C-alpha atoms as a PDB file:
ATOM      1  CA  MET A   1     124.352-150.292 -11.837  1.00  0.00           C
ATOM      2  CA  VAL A   2     127.976-149.856 -12.281  1.00  0.00           C
ATOM      3  CA  GLU A   3     129.863-146.928 -11.027  1.00  0.00           C
ATOM      4  CA  SER A   4     131.153-145.281 -14.363  1.00  0.00           C
ATOM      5  CA  GLU A   5     131.219-141.902 -16.135  1.00  0.00           C
ATOM      6  CA  LEU A   6     127.853-142.904 -17.803  1.00  0.00           C
ATOM      7  CA  TYR A   7     126.181-141.723 -14.570  1.00  0.00           C
ATOM      8  CA  GLU A   8     128.250-138.655 -13.969  1.00  0.00           C
ATOM      9  CA  GLN A   9     125.913-136.236 -15.896  1.00  0.00           C
ATOM     10  CA  ALA A  10     122.920-137.706 -14.071  1.00  0.00           C
ATOM     11  CA  GLY A  11     124.428-136.606 -10.776  1.00  0.00           C
ATOM     12  CA  THR A  12     124.800-138.686  -7.643  1.00  0.00           C
ATOM     13  CA  THR A  13     122.481-139.398  -4.797  1.00  0.00           C
ATOM     14  CA  GLU A  14     123.417-141.012  -1.539  1.00  0.00           C
ATOM     15  CA  LYS A  15     120.987-144.002  -2.131  1.00  0.00           C
ATOM     16  CA  ALA A  16     122.230-144.580  -5.942  1.00  0.00           C
ATOM     17  CA  SER A  17     125.985-144.377  -4.623  1.00  0.00           C
ATOM     18  CA  LYS A  18     125.434-147.027  -2.095  1.00  0.00           C
ATOM     19  CA  SER A  19     124.015-149.400  -4.709  1.00  0.00           C
ATOM     20  CA  TRP A  20     126.768-148.779  -7.335  1.00  0.00           C
ATOM     21  CA  MET A  21     129.087-151.478  -8.205  1.00  0.00           C
ATOM     22  CA  PRO A  22     132.674-150.320  -8.641  1.00  0.00           C
ATOM     23  CA  LEU A  23     133.891-150.728 -12.122  1.00  0.00           C
ATOM     24  CA  ASP A  24     136.849-152.793 -11.272  1.00  0.00           C
ATOM     25  CA  VAL A  25     134.720-155.223  -9.388  1.00  0.00           C
ATOM     26  CA  PHE A  26     132.219-155.579 -12.493  1.00  0.00           C
ATOM     27  CA  THR A  27     135.110-155.982 -14.814  1.00  0.00           C
ATOM     28  CA  THR A  28     136.849-158.636 -12.650  1.00  0.00           C
ATOM     29  CA  LYS A  29     133.781-160.751 -12.399  1.00  0.00           C
ATOM     30  CA  ALA A  30     132.764-160.205 -16.010  1.00  0.00           C
ATOM     31  CA  MET A  31     136.337-161.299 -17.087  1.00  0.00           C
ATOM     32  CA  ASP A  32     136.239-164.342 -14.662  1.00  0.00           C
ATOM     33  CA  GLY A  33     132.994-165.565 -16.162  1.00  0.00           C
ATOM     34  CA  LEU A  34     134.430-165.248 -19.871  1.00  0.00           C
ATOM     35  CA  LYS A  35     137.615-166.972 -18.755  1.00  0.00           C
ATOM     36  CA  GLU A  36     135.440-169.864 -17.366  1.00  0.00           C
ATOM     37  CA  GLY A  37     133.843-170.120 -20.900  1.00  0.00           C
ATOM     38  CA  LYS A  38     130.348-169.031 -19.459  1.00  0.00           C
ATOM     39  CA  VAL A  39     127.728-167.828 -21.995  1.00  0.00           C
ATOM     40  CA  GLN A  40     125.694-165.876 -19.578  1.00  0.00           C
ATOM     41  CA  ILE A  41     127.397-163.869 -16.873  1.00  0.00           C
ATOM     42  CA  PRO A  42     125.051-162.264 -14.363  1.00  0.00           C
ATOM     43  CA  VAL A  43     127.171-159.834 -12.309  1.00  0.00           C
ATOM     44  CA  GLY A  44     125.583-158.105  -9.320  1.00  0.00           C
ATOM     45  CA  LEU A  45     122.148-158.935  -8.283  1.00  0.00           C
ATOM     46  CA  ASP A  46     121.500-162.646  -8.891  1.00  0.00           C
ATOM     47  CA  ALA A  47     117.677-162.693  -8.083  1.00  0.00           C
ATOM     48  CA  PRO A  48     116.617-160.692 -11.370  1.00  0.00           C
ATOM     49  CA  PHE A  49     118.725-163.151 -13.440  1.00  0.00           C
ATOM     50  CA  LYS A  50     117.220-166.184 -11.529  1.00  0.00           C
ATOM     51  CA  LYS A  51     113.782-164.912 -11.933  1.00  0.00           C
ATOM     52  CA  PHE A  52     113.631-163.767 -15.640  1.00  0.00           C
ATOM     53  CA  GLU A  53     116.668-165.418 -17.332  1.00  0.00           C
ATOM     54  CA  GLU A  54     117.654-168.624 -15.839  1.00  0.00           C
ATOM     55  CA  GLY A  55     116.881-171.543 -17.740  1.00  0.00           C
ATOM     56  CA  LYS A  56     116.054-169.673 -21.144  1.00  0.00           C
ATOM     57  CA  LEU A  57     119.393-170.578 -22.798  1.00  0.00           C
ATOM     58  CA  GLU A  58     118.989-174.086 -22.090  1.00  0.00           C
ATOM     59  CA  TYR A  59     115.419-174.118 -23.295  1.00  0.00           C
ATOM     60  CA  SER A  60     116.467-172.432 -26.434  1.00  0.00           C
ATOM     61  CA  ILE A  61     119.248-174.942 -27.241  1.00  0.00           C
ATOM     62  CA  ALA A  62     117.064-177.891 -26.627  1.00  0.00           C
ATOM     63  CA  PHE A  63     114.329-176.444 -28.892  1.00  0.00           C
ATOM     64  CA  LEU A  64     116.734-175.822 -31.811  1.00  0.00           C
ATOM     65  CA  GLU A  65     118.207-179.290 -31.523  1.00  0.00           C
ATOM     66  CA  SER A  66     114.647-180.724 -31.717  1.00  0.00           C
ATOM     67  CA  ARG A  67     114.011-178.835 -34.824  1.00  0.00           C
ATOM     68  CA  GLN A  68     117.282-180.137 -36.471  1.00  0.00           C
ATOM     69  CA  LYS A  69     116.187-183.719 -36.149  1.00  0.00           C
END
């Protein structure tokens, strides 16, 4: 979760406020990834990205390239 006005209406809890990433930190990390030319920029918890997303882009590109031959 990124600390922003989107969560203000939901209220805050002590547990949630400890896990929020400050908006400026998120923005800096996302912009750094864009400047590096990355297509995927996982910001925050890396484990879910590695478990569910890592490798999908490369697989999709390889599949599409094989279909063009």
